[in-house]
Amino acid sequence: MEIEAFVHGAMCISVSGRCFMSGFENGLSANRGMCRQMCRRAYKVTDAETGSEFKVENQYVMSPEDMCAIDFLDKVLDAGVQVLKIEGRGRAPEYVFTVVSAYRKALDAIEAGTYTKELIEELFTDLRTVYNRGPSKGFYFGRPVGAWSRSYGSKATTRKIHVGRVTHFFPRASVAEILVQSGELQAGDNMYIIGPTTGTVKVCVEEIRNESGESISEATKGMTVTFSVPDIVRNNDDVFVIEQVSESESENKKNTRLHDRIQG
């Protein structure tokens, strides 16, 4: 019998799928896959007798950090686990691509004997670039203490900005033709190319060429350009530039969301 274990993704404050908060508040049952994740919000504690209210030290007392086994995956395998479960439902394509790639690298490294602290830190860096609430070991090593998210939403260190779409792919040269529809592309940019059949292809654009075949450093809205890609892409695939998110931007985003919820 194969043993499956959950190794990465959101953890539910209740028994997964059996929480009644979403159903009570919005009429959308978690048991039917429609959870609105009410537990992720900030809450006050109210004295039922006096009506007095206070905020606990961490307002997000029902929002656990995400399960992440990337730094003890060898121990999971040693325990006899043969199937790794990674959260993917409702997640963005680049999330699935990045997380699965990280665990694939870790599994290969364990097999090759190269599963080192340096590699683990590198994989942590990759995982932080996509949606996450912070890493937790969950219940793998006993009851978690203080493994709660300290803020609303994601702590991702990057975001994707839509800049255009693929208009043609040249398979022999492995080159994509891109129509820039907004913003700009620059040589040296990291990008995602995402499509329903393509999945997610991550690209570091080393050189951009215009319609005349000349090498350029920047492409702006309305231009059609080409550059090399590492895998097959398809017409109408979306093209996104990957941008770094600063800590101050993350904090402002959190405060804006909280303000919108209070006003709403």
C-alpha atoms as a PDB file:
ATOM      1  CA  MET A   1       0.000   0.000   0.000  1.00  0.00           C
ATOM      2  CA  GLU A   2       1.382   3.409  -1.000  1.00  0.00           C
ATOM      3  CA  ILE A   3       1.573   6.054   1.727  1.00  0.00           C
ATOM      4  CA  GLU A   4       0.660   9.606   0.694  1.00  0.00           C
ATOM      5  CA  ALA A   5       1.559  12.680   2.732  1.00  0.00           C
ATOM      6  CA  PHE A   6       0.682  16.359   2.346  1.00  0.00           C
ATOM      7  CA  VAL A   7       3.963  18.277   2.030  1.00  0.00           C
ATOM      8  CA  HIS A   8       3.187  21.757   0.709  1.00  0.00           C
ATOM      9  CA  GLY A   9       0.352  24.281   0.691  1.00  0.00           C
ATOM     10  CA  ALA A  10      -2.354  25.920   2.769  1.00  0.00           C
ATOM     11  CA  MET A  11      -3.350  24.317   6.059  1.00  0.00           C
ATOM     12  CA  CYS A  12      -6.942  24.513   7.285  1.00  0.00           C
ATOM     13  CA  ILE A  13      -7.678  25.667  10.845  1.00  0.00           C
ATOM     14  CA  SER A  14     -10.430  23.042  10.933  1.00  0.00           C
ATOM     15  CA  VAL A  15     -10.566  19.515   9.544  1.00  0.00           C
ATOM     16  CA  SER A  16     -10.058  20.357   5.863  1.00  0.00           C
ATOM     17  CA  GLY A  17     -13.389  20.798   4.132  1.00  0.00           C
ATOM     18  CA  ARG A  18     -15.370  20.540   7.388  1.00  0.00           C
ATOM     19  CA  CYS A  19     -15.231  24.168   8.547  1.00  0.00           C
ATOM     20  CA  PHE A  20     -18.622  25.889   8.779  1.00  0.00           C
ATOM     21  CA  MET A  21     -17.421  29.536   8.812  1.00  0.00           C
ATOM     22  CA  SER A  22     -17.746  30.062   5.059  1.00  0.00           C
ATOM     23  CA  GLY A  23     -21.170  28.426   4.979  1.00  0.00           C
ATOM     24  CA  PHE A  24     -22.416  30.459   7.955  1.00  0.00           C
ATOM     25  CA  GLU A  25     -21.107  33.792   6.671  1.00  0.00           C
ATOM     26  CA  ASN A  26     -21.587  33.456   2.901  1.00  0.00           C
ATOM     27  CA  GLY A  27     -23.732  30.382   2.292  1.00  0.00           C
ATOM     28  CA  LEU A  28     -20.778  28.769   0.474  1.00  0.00           C
ATOM     29  CA  SER A  29     -19.920  25.334   1.843  1.00  0.00           C
ATOM     30  CA  ALA A  30     -16.277  24.388   2.426  1.00  0.00           C
ATOM     31  CA  ASN A  31     -17.360  20.769   2.174  1.00  0.00           C
ATOM     32  CA  ARG A  32     -18.323  21.449  -1.460  1.00  0.00           C
ATOM     33  CA  GLY A  33     -15.060  23.131  -2.406  1.00  0.00           C
ATOM     34  CA  MET A  34     -16.428  26.686  -2.148  1.00  0.00           C
ATOM     35  CA  CYS A  35     -14.604  27.883   0.982  1.00  0.00           C
ATOM     36  CA  ARG A  36     -14.114  31.661   1.087  1.00  0.00           C
ATOM     37  CA  GLN A  37     -11.311  31.252   3.653  1.00  0.00           C
ATOM     38  CA  MET A  38     -12.948  33.337   6.355  1.00  0.00           C
ATOM     39  CA  CYS A  39     -10.276  32.106   8.782  1.00  0.00           C
ATOM     40  CA  ARG A  40      -7.621  34.110   6.938  1.00  0.00           C
ATOM     41  CA  ARG A  41      -9.065  37.419   8.122  1.00  0.00           C
ATOM     42  CA  ALA A  42      -8.228  39.442  11.231  1.00  0.00           C
ATOM     43  CA  TYR A  43     -10.613  39.109  14.174  1.00  0.00           C
ATOM     44  CA  LYS A  44     -11.383  40.754  17.499  1.00  0.00           C
ATOM     45  CA  VAL A  45     -12.388  38.900  20.647  1.00  0.00           C
ATOM     46  CA  THR A  46     -15.671  40.133  22.184  1.00  0.00           C
ATOM     47  CA  ASP A  47     -16.843  39.594  25.749  1.00  0.00           C
ATOM     48  CA  ALA A  48     -20.390  38.240  25.320  1.00  0.00           C
ATOM     49  CA  GLU A  49     -21.515  39.642  28.685  1.00  0.00           C
ATOM     50  CA  THR A  50     -20.073  43.167  28.589  1.00  0.00           C
ATOM     51  CA  GLY A  51     -19.534  43.716  24.882  1.00  0.00           C
ATOM     52  CA  SER A  52     -15.912  44.713  25.533  1.00  0.00           C
ATOM     53  CA  GLU A  53     -13.602  44.028  22.602  1.00  0.00           C
ATOM     54  CA  PHE A  54      -9.886  43.525  22.320  1.00  0.00           C
ATOM     55  CA  LYS A  55      -7.406  42.399  19.707  1.00  0.00           C
ATOM     56  CA  VAL A  56      -5.096  39.535  20.518  1.00  0.00           C
ATOM     57  CA  GLU A  57      -1.380  39.984  19.874  1.00  0.00           C
ATOM     58  CA  ASN A  58      -1.697  38.363  16.465  1.00  0.00           C
ATOM     59  CA  GLN A  59      -5.080  39.138  14.863  1.00  0.00           C
ATOM     60  CA  TYR A  60      -4.752  36.219  12.424  1.00  0.00           C
ATOM     61  CA  VAL A  61      -5.291  33.566  15.097  1.00  0.00           C
ATOM     62  CA  MET A  62      -7.113  31.203  12.713  1.00  0.00           C
ATOM     63  CA  SER A  63      -4.723  31.552   9.755  1.00  0.00           C
ATOM     64  CA  PRO A  64      -1.901  28.991   9.923  1.00  0.00           C
ATOM     65  CA  GLU A  65       1.254  29.400   7.902  1.00  0.00           C
ATOM     66  CA  ASP A  66       1.614  27.130   4.866  1.00  0.00           C
ATOM     67  CA  MET A  67       2.846  23.560   5.094  1.00  0.00           C
ATOM     68  CA  CYS A  68       6.383  23.331   3.677  1.00  0.00           C
ATOM     69  CA  ALA A  69       8.473  20.162   3.913  1.00  0.00           C
ATOM     70  CA  ILE A  70      11.282  21.224   1.576  1.00  0.00           C
ATOM     71  CA  ASP A  71      13.878  21.265   4.397  1.00  0.00           C
ATOM     72  CA  PHE A  72      13.014  17.858   5.859  1.00  0.00           C
ATOM     73  CA  LEU A  73      11.868  15.999   2.762  1.00  0.00           C
ATOM     74  CA  ASP A  74      14.519  13.339   3.328  1.00  0.00           C
ATOM     75  CA  LYS A  75      12.921  12.473   6.683  1.00  0.00           C
ATOM     76  CA  VAL A  76       9.488  12.241   5.030  1.00  0.00           C
ATOM     77  CA  LEU A  77      10.871   9.713   2.544  1.00  0.00           C
ATOM     78  CA  ASP A  78      12.703   7.796   5.277  1.00  0.00           C
ATOM     79  CA  ALA A  79       9.344   7.402   7.066  1.00  0.00           C
ATOM     80  CA  GLY A  80       8.067   5.389   4.108  1.00  0.00           C
ATOM     81  CA  VAL A  81       6.069   8.063   2.271  1.00  0.00           C
ATOM     82  CA  GLN A  82       5.854   7.254  -1.453  1.00  0.00           C
ATOM     83  CA  VAL A  83       3.423   9.899  -2.740  1.00  0.00           C
ATOM     84  CA  LEU A  84       3.797  13.639  -2.094  1.00  0.00           C
ATOM     85  CA  LYS A  85       0.660  15.773  -2.099  1.00  0.00           C
ATOM     86  CA  ILE A  86       1.154  19.408  -3.152  1.00  0.00           C
ATOM     87  CA  GLU A  87      -1.660  21.957  -3.106  1.00  0.00           C
ATOM     88  CA  GLY A  88      -2.596  23.026  -6.622  1.00  0.00           C
ATOM     89  CA  ARG A  89      -6.358  23.552  -6.809  1.00  0.00           C
ATOM     90  CA  GLY A  90      -7.207  27.195  -7.383  1.00  0.00           C
ATOM     91  CA  ARG A  91      -3.536  28.225  -7.536  1.00  0.00           C
ATOM     92  CA  ALA A  92      -1.926  30.204 -10.353  1.00  0.00           C
ATOM     93  CA  PRO A  93       0.070  28.297 -13.013  1.00  0.00           C
ATOM     94  CA  GLU A  94       3.379  29.819 -11.893  1.00  0.00           C
ATOM     95  CA  TYR A  95       2.689  28.657  -8.321  1.00  0.00           C
ATOM     96  CA  VAL A  96       2.243  25.053  -9.457  1.00  0.00           C
ATOM     97  CA  PHE A  97       5.284  25.302 -11.760  1.00  0.00           C
ATOM     98  CA  THR A  98       7.572  26.770  -9.091  1.00  0.00           C
ATOM     99  CA  VAL A  99       6.520  24.517  -6.219  1.00  0.00           C
ATOM    100  CA  VAL A 100       6.556  21.259  -8.178  1.00  0.00           C
ATOM    101  CA  SER A 101       9.936  22.188  -9.700  1.00  0.00           C
ATOM    102  CA  ALA A 102      11.383  22.845  -6.229  1.00  0.00           C
ATOM    103  CA  TYR A 103      10.261  19.482  -4.879  1.00  0.00           C
ATOM    104  CA  ARG A 104      11.481  17.724  -8.022  1.00  0.00           C
ATOM    105  CA  LYS A 105      14.940  19.268  -7.466  1.00  0.00           C
ATOM    106  CA  ALA A 106      14.872  18.229  -3.810  1.00  0.00           C
ATOM    107  CA  LEU A 107      13.908  14.634  -4.652  1.00  0.00           C
ATOM    108  CA  ASP A 108      16.650  14.388  -7.276  1.00  0.00           C
ATOM    109  CA  ALA A 109      19.184  15.830  -4.829  1.00  0.00           C
ATOM    110  CA  ILE A 110      18.212  13.349  -2.096  1.00  0.00           C
ATOM    111  CA  GLU A 111      18.698  10.491  -4.537  1.00  0.00           C
ATOM    112  CA  ALA A 112      22.039  11.900  -5.721  1.00  0.00           C
ATOM    113  CA  GLY A 113      23.334  12.673  -2.223  1.00  0.00           C
ATOM    114  CA  THR A 114      23.476  16.449  -2.897  1.00  0.00           C
ATOM    115  CA  TYR A 115      20.622  17.504  -0.599  1.00  0.00           C
ATOM    116  CA  THR A 116      22.559  20.216   1.241  1.00  0.00           C
ATOM    117  CA  LYS A 117      21.712  23.259   3.380  1.00  0.00           C
ATOM    118  CA  GLU A 118      22.798  25.468   0.495  1.00  0.00           C
ATOM    119  CA  LEU A 119      20.385  23.767  -1.902  1.00  0.00           C
ATOM    120  CA  ILE A 120      17.555  23.919   0.636  1.00  0.00           C
ATOM    121  CA  GLU A 121      18.040  27.682   1.080  1.00  0.00           C
ATOM    122  CA  GLU A 122      18.042  28.090  -2.698  1.00  0.00           C
ATOM    123  CA  LEU A 123      14.757  26.175  -2.914  1.00  0.00           C
ATOM    124  CA  PHE A 124      13.267  28.258  -0.095  1.00  0.00           C
ATOM    125  CA  THR A 125      14.162  31.374  -2.098  1.00  0.00           C
ATOM    126  CA  ASP A 126      12.324  29.961  -5.136  1.00  0.00           C
ATOM    127  CA  LEU A 127       9.251  29.046  -3.080  1.00  0.00           C
ATOM    128  CA  ARG A 128       9.066  32.539  -1.571  1.00  0.00           C
ATOM    129  CA  THR A 129       8.635  34.062  -5.052  1.00  0.00           C
ATOM    130  CA  VAL A 130       5.092  32.690  -5.390  1.00  0.00           C
ATOM    131  CA  TYR A 131       1.997  32.811  -3.181  1.00  0.00           C
ATOM    132  CA  ASN A 132       2.752  31.828   0.405  1.00  0.00           C
ATOM    133  CA  ARG A 133       1.845  32.719   3.979  1.00  0.00           C
ATOM    134  CA  GLY A 134       5.208  31.721   5.362  1.00  0.00           C
ATOM    135  CA  PRO A 135       6.615  28.196   5.852  1.00  0.00           C
ATOM    136  CA  SER A 136       5.567  25.825   8.622  1.00  0.00           C
ATOM    137  CA  LYS A 137       6.408  22.228   9.536  1.00  0.00           C
ATOM    138  CA  GLY A 138       2.799  21.637  10.472  1.00  0.00           C
ATOM    139  CA  PHE A 139       2.357  18.659  12.787  1.00  0.00           C
ATOM    140  CA  TYR A 140       5.277  16.637  11.445  1.00  0.00           C
ATOM    141  CA  PHE A 141       7.402  17.228  14.560  1.00  0.00           C
ATOM    142  CA  GLY A 142       4.647  17.691  17.128  1.00  0.00           C
ATOM    143  CA  ARG A 143       2.047  20.354  17.776  1.00  0.00           C
ATOM    144  CA  PRO A 144       3.039  23.642  16.072  1.00  0.00           C
ATOM    145  CA  VAL A 145       3.680  26.619  18.349  1.00  0.00           C
ATOM    146  CA  GLY A 146       3.218  30.114  16.925  1.00  0.00           C
ATOM    147  CA  ALA A 147       2.906  28.806  13.358  1.00  0.00           C
ATOM    148  CA  TRP A 148       0.405  31.479  12.408  1.00  0.00           C
ATOM    149  CA  SER A 149       0.478  33.976   9.592  1.00  0.00           C
ATOM    150  CA  ARG A 150       1.330  37.482  10.785  1.00  0.00           C
ATOM    151  CA  SER A 151      -0.411  39.286   7.911  1.00  0.00           C
ATOM    152  CA  TYR A 152      -3.236  39.026   5.400  1.00  0.00           C
ATOM    153  CA  GLY A 153      -2.677  37.314   2.065  1.00  0.00           C
ATOM    154  CA  SER A 154       0.531  36.362   0.353  1.00  0.00           C
ATOM    155  CA  LYS A 155       4.144  37.023   1.343  1.00  0.00           C
ATOM    156  CA  ALA A 156       5.419  36.346  -2.188  1.00  0.00           C
ATOM    157  CA  THR A 157       8.620  38.185  -3.055  1.00  0.00           C
ATOM    158  CA  THR A 158       7.651  38.547  -6.743  1.00  0.00           C
ATOM    159  CA  ARG A 159       4.603  39.358  -8.850  1.00  0.00           C
ATOM    160  CA  LYS A 160       3.796  38.906 -12.517  1.00  0.00           C
ATOM    161  CA  ILE A 161       2.833  41.828 -14.790  1.00  0.00           C
ATOM    162  CA  HIS A 162       1.045  41.098 -18.070  1.00  0.00           C
ATOM    163  CA  VAL A 163       2.894  42.637 -21.014  1.00  0.00           C
ATOM    164  CA  GLY A 164       1.711  40.818 -24.135  1.00  0.00           C
ATOM    165  CA  ARG A 165       1.004  37.583 -25.971  1.00  0.00           C
ATOM    166  CA  VAL A 166       2.731  35.111 -28.263  1.00  0.00           C
ATOM    167  CA  THR A 167       1.914  35.667 -31.952  1.00  0.00           C
ATOM    168  CA  HIS A 168       4.158  32.952 -33.403  1.00  0.00           C
ATOM    169  CA  PHE A 169       6.642  30.274 -32.361  1.00  0.00           C
ATOM    170  CA  PHE A 170       9.566  29.129 -34.512  1.00  0.00           C
ATOM    171  CA  PRO A 171      10.265  25.549 -33.369  1.00  0.00           C
ATOM    172  CA  ARG A 172      13.566  24.999 -35.206  1.00  0.00           C
ATOM    173  CA  ALA A 173      15.154  28.076 -33.648  1.00  0.00           C
ATOM    174  CA  SER A 174      13.124  27.831 -30.405  1.00  0.00           C
ATOM    175  CA  VAL A 175      12.214  31.506 -30.755  1.00  0.00           C
ATOM    176  CA  ALA A 176       8.957  33.199 -29.760  1.00  0.00           C
ATOM    177  CA  GLU A 177       7.430  36.230 -31.470  1.00  0.00           C
ATOM    178  CA  ILE A 178       5.735  38.514 -28.952  1.00  0.00           C
ATOM    179  CA  LEU A 179       3.312  41.414 -29.388  1.00  0.00           C
ATOM    180  CA  VAL A 180       3.878  43.880 -26.540  1.00  0.00           C
ATOM    181  CA  GLN A 181       0.409  45.035 -25.437  1.00  0.00           C
ATOM    182  CA  SER A 182       1.275  46.994 -22.298  1.00  0.00           C
ATOM    183  CA  GLY A 183       4.285  48.107 -20.304  1.00  0.00           C
ATOM    184  CA  GLU A 184       7.695  47.180 -21.637  1.00  0.00           C
ATOM    185  CA  LEU A 185      10.176  44.338 -22.022  1.00  0.00           C
ATOM    186  CA  GLN A 186      13.873  44.710 -21.342  1.00  0.00           C
ATOM    187  CA  ALA A 187      16.849  42.503 -22.052  1.00  0.00           C
ATOM    188  CA  GLY A 188      17.665  40.658 -18.826  1.00  0.00           C
ATOM    189  CA  ASP A 189      14.031  40.428 -17.688  1.00  0.00           C
ATOM    190  CA  ASN A 190      12.710  37.204 -16.191  1.00  0.00           C
ATOM    191  CA  MET A 191       9.332  36.230 -17.600  1.00  0.00           C
ATOM    192  CA  TYR A 192       6.573  33.654 -17.514  1.00  0.00           C
ATOM    193  CA  ILE A 193       4.847  32.475 -20.671  1.00  0.00           C
ATOM    194  CA  ILE A 194       1.564  30.844 -19.648  1.00  0.00           C
ATOM    195  CA  GLY A 195      -1.103  29.096 -21.699  1.00  0.00           C
ATOM    196  CA  PRO A 196      -3.805  26.431 -21.263  1.00  0.00           C
ATOM    197  CA  THR A 197      -1.813  23.852 -23.256  1.00  0.00           C
ATOM    198  CA  THR A 198       1.685  25.212 -22.699  1.00  0.00           C
ATOM    199  CA  GLY A 199       1.421  25.383 -18.929  1.00  0.00           C
ATOM    200  CA  THR A 200       4.167  27.625 -17.528  1.00  0.00           C
ATOM    201  CA  VAL A 201       7.503  28.344 -19.176  1.00  0.00           C
ATOM    202  CA  LYS A 202       9.998  30.513 -17.285  1.00  0.00           C
ATOM    203  CA  VAL A 203      12.312  32.583 -19.469  1.00  0.00           C
ATOM    204  CA  CYS A 204      15.318  34.801 -18.830  1.00  0.00           C
ATOM    205  CA  VAL A 205      15.423  37.092 -21.866  1.00  0.00           C
ATOM    206  CA  GLU A 206      19.065  37.521 -22.794  1.00  0.00           C
ATOM    207  CA  GLU A 207      18.487  39.278 -26.115  1.00  0.00           C
ATOM    208  CA  ILE A 208      15.510  40.979 -27.786  1.00  0.00           C
ATOM    209  CA  ARG A 209      15.257  41.513 -31.548  1.00  0.00           C
ATOM    210  CA  ASN A 210      12.890  43.860 -33.370  1.00  0.00           C
ATOM    211  CA  GLU A 211      11.040  43.157 -36.644  1.00  0.00           C
ATOM    212  CA  SER A 212      14.162  44.086 -38.630  1.00  0.00           C
ATOM    213  CA  GLY A 213      16.217  41.520 -36.730  1.00  0.00           C
ATOM    214  CA  GLU A 214      18.213  44.153 -34.854  1.00  0.00           C
ATOM    215  CA  SER A 215      19.172  43.567 -31.240  1.00  0.00           C
ATOM    216  CA  ILE A 216      17.477  46.087 -28.924  1.00  0.00           C
ATOM    217  CA  SER A 217      17.598  46.650 -25.182  1.00  0.00           C
ATOM    218  CA  GLU A 218      13.927  47.524 -24.701  1.00  0.00           C
ATOM    219  CA  ALA A 219      10.548  46.877 -26.341  1.00  0.00           C
ATOM    220  CA  THR A 220       7.511  49.054 -25.675  1.00  0.00           C
ATOM    221  CA  LYS A 221       3.753  48.840 -26.270  1.00  0.00           C
ATOM    222  CA  GLY A 222       2.786  48.084 -29.877  1.00  0.00           C
ATOM    223  CA  MET A 223       6.121  46.528 -30.861  1.00  0.00           C
ATOM    224  CA  THR A 224       6.511  42.973 -32.144  1.00  0.00           C
ATOM    225  CA  VAL A 225       9.760  41.369 -30.997  1.00  0.00           C
ATOM    226  CA  THR A 226      11.411  37.956 -30.802  1.00  0.00           C
ATOM    227  CA  PHE A 227      13.592  36.184 -28.265  1.00  0.00           C
ATOM    228  CA  SER A 228      14.735  32.648 -27.452  1.00  0.00           C
ATOM    229  CA  VAL A 229      12.647  30.431 -25.176  1.00  0.00           C
ATOM    230  CA  PRO A 230      13.689  27.156 -23.500  1.00  0.00           C
ATOM    231  CA  ASP A 231      10.534  25.209 -24.356  1.00  0.00           C
ATOM    232  CA  ILE A 232       7.612  25.069 -26.773  1.00  0.00           C
ATOM    233  CA  VAL A 233       5.103  27.925 -26.498  1.00  0.00           C
ATOM    234  CA  ARG A 234       1.941  28.566 -28.498  1.00  0.00           C
ATOM    235  CA  ASN A 235       0.019  31.360 -30.202  1.00  0.00           C
ATOM    236  CA  ASN A 236      -1.995  33.516 -27.788  1.00  0.00           C
ATOM    237  CA  ASP A 237      -0.057  32.366 -24.724  1.00  0.00           C
ATOM    238  CA  ASP A 238       0.145  35.222 -22.220  1.00  0.00           C
ATOM    239  CA  VAL A 239       3.514  36.830 -21.469  1.00  0.00           C
ATOM    240  CA  PHE A 240       4.299  38.249 -18.013  1.00  0.00           C
ATOM    241  CA  VAL A 241       7.323  40.110 -16.662  1.00  0.00           C
ATOM    242  CA  ILE A 242       8.371  38.962 -13.171  1.00  0.00           C
ATOM    243  CA  GLU A 243       8.937  41.888 -10.799  1.00  0.00           C
ATOM    244  CA  GLN A 244      10.362  41.929  -7.283  1.00  0.00           C
ATOM    245  CA  VAL A 245       8.025  43.030  -4.475  1.00  0.00           C
ATOM    246  CA  SER A 246       9.564  45.185  -1.754  1.00  0.00           C
ATOM    247  CA  GLU A 247       8.655  44.743   1.913  1.00  0.00           C
ATOM    248  CA  SER A 248       7.104  48.224   1.991  1.00  0.00           C
ATOM    249  CA  GLU A 249       4.861  47.372  -0.969  1.00  0.00           C
ATOM    250  CA  SER A 250       3.737  44.172   0.748  1.00  0.00           C
ATOM    251  CA  GLU A 251       2.883  46.111   3.901  1.00  0.00           C
ATOM    252  CA  ASN A 252       0.954  48.756   1.923  1.00  0.00           C
ATOM    253  CA  LYS A 253      -0.962  46.026   0.071  1.00  0.00           C
ATOM    254  CA  LYS A 254      -1.890  44.385   3.362  1.00  0.00           C
ATOM    255  CA  ASN A 255      -3.096  47.686   4.865  1.00  0.00           C
ATOM    256  CA  THR A 256      -5.121  48.512   1.717  1.00  0.00           C
ATOM    257  CA  ARG A 257      -6.896  45.147   1.816  1.00  0.00           C
ATOM    258  CA  LEU A 258      -7.679  45.543   5.511  1.00  0.00           C
ATOM    259  CA  HIS A 259      -9.044  49.053   4.916  1.00  0.00           C
ATOM    260  CA  ASP A 260     -11.185  47.855   1.987  1.00  0.00           C
ATOM    261  CA  ARG A 261     -12.691  45.063   4.104  1.00  0.00           C
ATOM    262  CA  ILE A 262     -13.452  47.459   6.975  1.00  0.00           C
ATOM    263  CA  GLN A 263     -15.055  49.998   4.621  1.00  0.00           C
ATOM    264  CA  GLY A 264     -16.944  47.257   2.764  1.00  0.00           C
END
